N, C-alpha and C. Protein backbone atom coordinates (compact mmCIF):
# COMPACT_ATOMS: atom_id res chain seq x y z
N MET A 1 11.93 -2.31 22.98
CA MET A 1 11.71 -2.03 21.57
C MET A 1 10.24 -1.68 21.37
N THR A 2 9.99 -0.63 20.64
CA THR A 2 8.62 -0.18 20.43
C THR A 2 7.91 -1.04 19.39
N LYS A 3 6.60 -0.99 19.43
CA LYS A 3 5.77 -1.79 18.53
C LYS A 3 5.15 -0.92 17.44
N LEU A 4 5.83 0.14 17.03
CA LEU A 4 5.27 1.03 16.02
C LEU A 4 5.21 0.36 14.65
N LEU A 5 6.25 -0.33 14.29
CA LEU A 5 6.32 -1.00 12.99
C LEU A 5 6.57 -2.49 13.22
N PRO A 6 5.83 -3.34 12.54
CA PRO A 6 6.03 -4.78 12.73
C PRO A 6 7.31 -5.27 12.05
N ILE A 7 7.93 -6.25 12.67
CA ILE A 7 9.16 -6.86 12.13
C ILE A 7 8.88 -7.46 10.74
N PHE A 8 7.70 -8.04 10.57
CA PHE A 8 7.38 -8.65 9.27
C PHE A 8 7.45 -7.62 8.14
N ALA A 9 7.05 -6.39 8.43
CA ALA A 9 7.10 -5.34 7.40
C ALA A 9 8.55 -5.08 6.97
N MET A 10 9.48 -5.18 7.92
CA MET A 10 10.90 -4.96 7.60
C MET A 10 11.40 -6.05 6.66
N GLU A 11 10.98 -7.29 6.93
CA GLU A 11 11.36 -8.39 6.06
C GLU A 11 10.81 -8.16 4.65
N LYS A 12 9.58 -7.72 4.57
CA LYS A 12 8.95 -7.48 3.28
C LYS A 12 9.69 -6.39 2.51
N ILE A 13 10.06 -5.32 3.18
CA ILE A 13 10.81 -4.23 2.54
C ILE A 13 12.13 -4.75 2.00
N LEU A 14 12.85 -5.51 2.82
CA LEU A 14 14.16 -6.03 2.41
C LEU A 14 14.02 -7.03 1.25
N LYS A 15 13.02 -7.88 1.31
CA LYS A 15 12.83 -8.85 0.23
C LYS A 15 12.38 -8.16 -1.06
N ASN A 16 11.56 -7.12 -0.94
CA ASN A 16 11.17 -6.35 -2.13
C ASN A 16 12.36 -5.62 -2.74
N SER A 17 13.40 -5.43 -1.94
CA SER A 17 14.62 -4.78 -2.42
C SER A 17 15.61 -5.78 -3.00
N GLY A 18 15.25 -7.06 -2.99
CA GLY A 18 16.09 -8.07 -3.62
C GLY A 18 16.74 -9.08 -2.71
N ALA A 19 16.56 -8.96 -1.40
CA ALA A 19 17.17 -9.92 -0.47
C ALA A 19 16.47 -11.28 -0.58
N LYS A 20 17.25 -12.34 -0.60
CA LYS A 20 16.69 -13.69 -0.63
C LYS A 20 16.31 -14.13 0.78
N ARG A 21 17.20 -13.87 1.72
CA ARG A 21 16.97 -14.21 3.12
C ARG A 21 17.35 -13.01 3.97
N VAL A 22 16.69 -12.89 5.13
CA VAL A 22 16.93 -11.74 5.99
C VAL A 22 17.02 -12.23 7.44
N SER A 23 18.10 -11.86 8.11
CA SER A 23 18.25 -12.26 9.51
C SER A 23 17.37 -11.41 10.42
N LEU A 24 17.06 -11.93 11.58
CA LEU A 24 16.27 -11.19 12.56
C LEU A 24 16.99 -9.92 12.98
N ASP A 25 18.32 -9.99 13.13
CA ASP A 25 19.09 -8.80 13.49
C ASP A 25 18.98 -7.71 12.43
N ALA A 26 18.96 -8.10 11.16
CA ALA A 26 18.83 -7.13 10.08
C ALA A 26 17.45 -6.48 10.12
N LYS A 27 16.42 -7.27 10.38
CA LYS A 27 15.06 -6.73 10.47
C LYS A 27 14.96 -5.74 11.63
N LYS A 28 15.54 -6.11 12.77
CA LYS A 28 15.51 -5.24 13.95
C LYS A 28 16.28 -3.94 13.71
N ALA A 29 17.42 -4.05 13.03
CA ALA A 29 18.23 -2.86 12.74
C ALA A 29 17.48 -1.91 11.80
N LEU A 30 16.85 -2.45 10.76
CA LEU A 30 16.09 -1.62 9.84
C LEU A 30 14.91 -0.96 10.55
N LYS A 31 14.23 -1.72 11.39
CA LYS A 31 13.10 -1.19 12.17
C LYS A 31 13.55 -0.03 13.04
N GLN A 32 14.67 -0.18 13.72
CA GLN A 32 15.19 0.87 14.60
C GLN A 32 15.54 2.13 13.80
N GLU A 33 16.18 1.95 12.66
CA GLU A 33 16.58 3.10 11.83
C GLU A 33 15.36 3.83 11.27
N ILE A 34 14.39 3.09 10.78
CA ILE A 34 13.19 3.71 10.20
C ILE A 34 12.41 4.45 11.28
N GLU A 35 12.25 3.84 12.46
CA GLU A 35 11.52 4.49 13.54
C GLU A 35 12.24 5.75 14.02
N SER A 36 13.56 5.70 14.09
CA SER A 36 14.34 6.87 14.49
C SER A 36 14.19 7.99 13.47
N PHE A 37 14.27 7.64 12.20
CA PHE A 37 14.12 8.61 11.12
C PHE A 37 12.73 9.25 11.17
N ALA A 38 11.70 8.43 11.35
CA ALA A 38 10.33 8.92 11.41
C ALA A 38 10.11 9.82 12.63
N GLU A 39 10.71 9.46 13.74
CA GLU A 39 10.58 10.27 14.95
C GLU A 39 11.21 11.64 14.76
N ASN A 40 12.37 11.69 14.13
CA ASN A 40 13.04 12.98 13.88
C ASN A 40 12.22 13.86 12.95
N ILE A 41 11.68 13.28 11.90
CA ILE A 41 10.83 14.05 10.98
C ILE A 41 9.58 14.54 11.71
N SER A 42 8.99 13.69 12.52
CA SER A 42 7.78 14.06 13.24
C SER A 42 8.03 15.22 14.19
N LYS A 43 9.13 15.18 14.92
CA LYS A 43 9.46 16.26 15.85
C LYS A 43 9.63 17.58 15.10
N ARG A 44 10.32 17.53 13.97
CA ARG A 44 10.54 18.73 13.17
C ARG A 44 9.21 19.23 12.60
N ALA A 45 8.35 18.35 12.16
CA ALA A 45 7.05 18.74 11.61
C ALA A 45 6.18 19.41 12.68
N VAL A 46 6.24 18.92 13.90
CA VAL A 46 5.49 19.53 15.00
C VAL A 46 6.02 20.94 15.25
N GLU A 47 7.33 21.09 15.23
CA GLU A 47 7.93 22.43 15.40
C GLU A 47 7.45 23.38 14.31
N LEU A 48 7.40 22.89 13.07
CA LEU A 48 6.95 23.72 11.96
C LEU A 48 5.49 24.14 12.12
N SER A 49 4.66 23.22 12.57
CA SER A 49 3.24 23.56 12.75
C SER A 49 3.08 24.57 13.89
N LYS A 50 3.85 24.42 14.95
CA LYS A 50 3.79 25.38 16.06
C LYS A 50 4.27 26.76 15.61
N HIS A 51 5.32 26.77 14.80
CA HIS A 51 5.84 28.04 14.28
C HIS A 51 4.79 28.75 13.44
N SER A 52 3.96 27.98 12.76
CA SER A 52 2.88 28.55 11.94
C SER A 52 1.62 28.80 12.76
N LYS A 53 1.75 28.67 14.08
CA LYS A 53 0.64 28.89 15.01
C LYS A 53 -0.54 27.96 14.74
N ARG A 54 -0.21 26.71 14.45
CA ARG A 54 -1.23 25.67 14.24
C ARG A 54 -0.99 24.55 15.22
N ARG A 55 -2.07 23.86 15.58
CA ARG A 55 -1.94 22.67 16.42
C ARG A 55 -2.00 21.40 15.58
N THR A 56 -2.36 21.56 14.32
CA THR A 56 -2.49 20.42 13.41
C THR A 56 -1.26 20.32 12.52
N VAL A 57 -0.66 19.13 12.49
CA VAL A 57 0.46 18.87 11.59
C VAL A 57 -0.13 18.52 10.22
N LEU A 58 0.32 19.21 9.20
CA LEU A 58 -0.16 19.00 7.83
C LEU A 58 0.88 18.27 6.99
N ALA A 59 0.44 17.74 5.87
CA ALA A 59 1.35 17.04 4.95
C ALA A 59 2.52 17.92 4.52
N PRO A 60 2.31 19.20 4.22
CA PRO A 60 3.45 20.04 3.85
C PRO A 60 4.50 20.16 4.98
N ASP A 61 4.03 20.08 6.24
CA ASP A 61 4.98 20.11 7.38
C ASP A 61 5.89 18.88 7.33
N ILE A 62 5.29 17.74 7.05
CA ILE A 62 6.06 16.50 6.96
C ILE A 62 7.06 16.57 5.81
N LYS A 63 6.60 17.04 4.67
CA LYS A 63 7.46 17.14 3.49
C LYS A 63 8.62 18.09 3.74
N LEU A 64 8.34 19.23 4.34
CA LEU A 64 9.39 20.20 4.64
C LEU A 64 10.36 19.66 5.69
N ALA A 65 9.83 18.99 6.68
CA ALA A 65 10.66 18.44 7.75
C ALA A 65 11.60 17.35 7.24
N SER A 66 11.20 16.67 6.18
CA SER A 66 12.03 15.57 5.67
C SER A 66 13.16 16.03 4.77
N LYS A 67 13.18 17.33 4.45
CA LYS A 67 14.26 17.86 3.58
C LYS A 67 15.50 18.13 4.38
């Protein structure tokens, strides 16, 4: 499991969404889904920047990639 996002942050997100208690499995599942989602957007954003003949990924690349 990667250390990109801390487990505690997942608990905070879930509790801010109204959860009273959160299991470790739920935190791990949310972490995995968020990291997978972010990785897919990142890969698409890199493709968009390369298509524009840039080496720098810009905010508009991220926004477009997330659509």
